[in-house]
Amino acid sequence: MMVSPLSKISEFLKSPQAQKLTEQAKRYAQDPRNRAKAQQMIDKLRGGKGGSGKH
């Protein structure tokens, strides 16, 4: 029987390693400077503010 990719992901999310990564991400996200960097990256990937893609 083949294991589905979703079951593999679900299994990983229950692991101690995933919980550790989740806690690291939460701590990182609490820093305002890191939040600003993340928002800049999201804006860049979306094509800037407004979503037009034109600068």
C-alpha atoms as a PDB file:
ATOM      1  CA  MET A   1       0.000   0.000   0.000  1.00  0.00           C
ATOM      2  CA  MET A   2       1.276   3.462  -0.921  1.00  0.00           C
ATOM      3  CA  VAL A   3       1.496   6.190   1.681  1.00  0.00           C
ATOM      4  CA  SER A   4      -0.171   9.416   0.587  1.00  0.00           C
ATOM      5  CA  PRO A   5       1.819  12.661   0.722  1.00  0.00           C
ATOM      6  CA  LEU A   6      -0.785  14.169   3.062  1.00  0.00           C
ATOM      7  CA  SER A   7      -0.381  11.366   5.564  1.00  0.00           C
ATOM      8  CA  LYS A   8       3.387  11.899   5.480  1.00  0.00           C
ATOM      9  CA  ILE A   9       2.880  15.599   6.171  1.00  0.00           C
ATOM     10  CA  SER A  10       0.409  14.866   8.954  1.00  0.00           C
ATOM     11  CA  GLU A  11       2.859  12.431  10.501  1.00  0.00           C
ATOM     12  CA  PHE A  12       5.661  15.011  10.350  1.00  0.00           C
ATOM     13  CA  LEU A  13       3.497  17.721  11.929  1.00  0.00           C
ATOM     14  CA  LYS A  14       3.020  15.521  14.989  1.00  0.00           C
ATOM     15  CA  SER A  15       6.767  14.962  15.387  1.00  0.00           C
ATOM     16  CA  PRO A  16       8.954  16.725  17.967  1.00  0.00           C
ATOM     17  CA  GLN A  17      11.015  18.220  15.126  1.00  0.00           C
ATOM     18  CA  ALA A  18       7.951  19.941  13.648  1.00  0.00           C
ATOM     19  CA  GLN A  19       6.920  21.243  17.055  1.00  0.00           C
ATOM     20  CA  LYS A  20      10.411  22.674  17.559  1.00  0.00           C
ATOM     21  CA  LEU A  21      10.281  24.402  14.154  1.00  0.00           C
ATOM     22  CA  THR A  22       6.834  25.789  14.964  1.00  0.00           C
ATOM     23  CA  GLU A  23       8.090  27.311  18.214  1.00  0.00           C
ATOM     24  CA  GLN A  24      11.092  28.838  16.408  1.00  0.00           C
ATOM     25  CA  ALA A  25       8.789  30.369  13.796  1.00  0.00           C
ATOM     26  CA  LYS A  26       6.529  31.834  16.487  1.00  0.00           C
ATOM     27  CA  ARG A  27       9.495  33.438  18.271  1.00  0.00           C
ATOM     28  CA  TYR A  28      10.837  34.797  14.980  1.00  0.00           C
ATOM     29  CA  ALA A  29       7.442  36.261  14.067  1.00  0.00           C
ATOM     30  CA  GLN A  30       7.171  38.115  17.385  1.00  0.00           C
ATOM     31  CA  ASP A  31      10.128  40.377  16.520  1.00  0.00           C
ATOM     32  CA  PRO A  32       8.792  43.510  14.735  1.00  0.00           C
ATOM     33  CA  ARG A  33      11.899  43.726  12.520  1.00  0.00           C
ATOM     34  CA  ASN A  34      11.403  40.160  11.339  1.00  0.00           C
ATOM     35  CA  ARG A  35       7.726  40.805  10.710  1.00  0.00           C
ATOM     36  CA  ALA A  36       8.643  43.807   8.569  1.00  0.00           C
ATOM     37  CA  LYS A  37      11.146  41.736   6.580  1.00  0.00           C
ATOM     38  CA  ALA A  38       8.555  39.019   6.034  1.00  0.00           C
ATOM     39  CA  GLN A  39       5.966  41.563   4.899  1.00  0.00           C
ATOM     40  CA  GLN A  40       8.453  43.080   2.448  1.00  0.00           C
ATOM     41  CA  MET A  41       9.130  39.630   1.006  1.00  0.00           C
ATOM     42  CA  ILE A  42       5.405  38.924   0.656  1.00  0.00           C
ATOM     43  CA  ASP A  43       4.868  42.290  -1.047  1.00  0.00           C
ATOM     44  CA  LYS A  44       7.763  41.602  -3.399  1.00  0.00           C
ATOM     45  CA  LEU A  45       6.410  38.161  -4.307  1.00  0.00           C
ATOM     46  CA  ARG A  46       2.955  39.636  -4.927  1.00  0.00           C
ATOM     47  CA  GLY A  47       4.379  42.354  -7.127  1.00  0.00           C
ATOM     48  CA  GLY A  48       4.401  45.173  -4.623  1.00  0.00           C
ATOM     49  CA  LYS A  49       1.609  46.880  -2.736  1.00  0.00           C
ATOM     50  CA  GLY A  50      -1.672  47.030  -4.575  1.00  0.00           C
ATOM     51  CA  GLY A  51      -0.885  43.852  -6.513  1.00  0.00           C
ATOM     52  CA  SER A  52      -0.549  45.599  -9.903  1.00  0.00           C
ATOM     53  CA  GLY A  53       3.001  44.354 -10.440  1.00  0.00           C
ATOM     54  CA  LYS A  54       3.972  47.720 -11.963  1.00  0.00           C
ATOM     55  CA  HIS A  55       6.368  50.101 -10.235  1.00  0.00           C
END
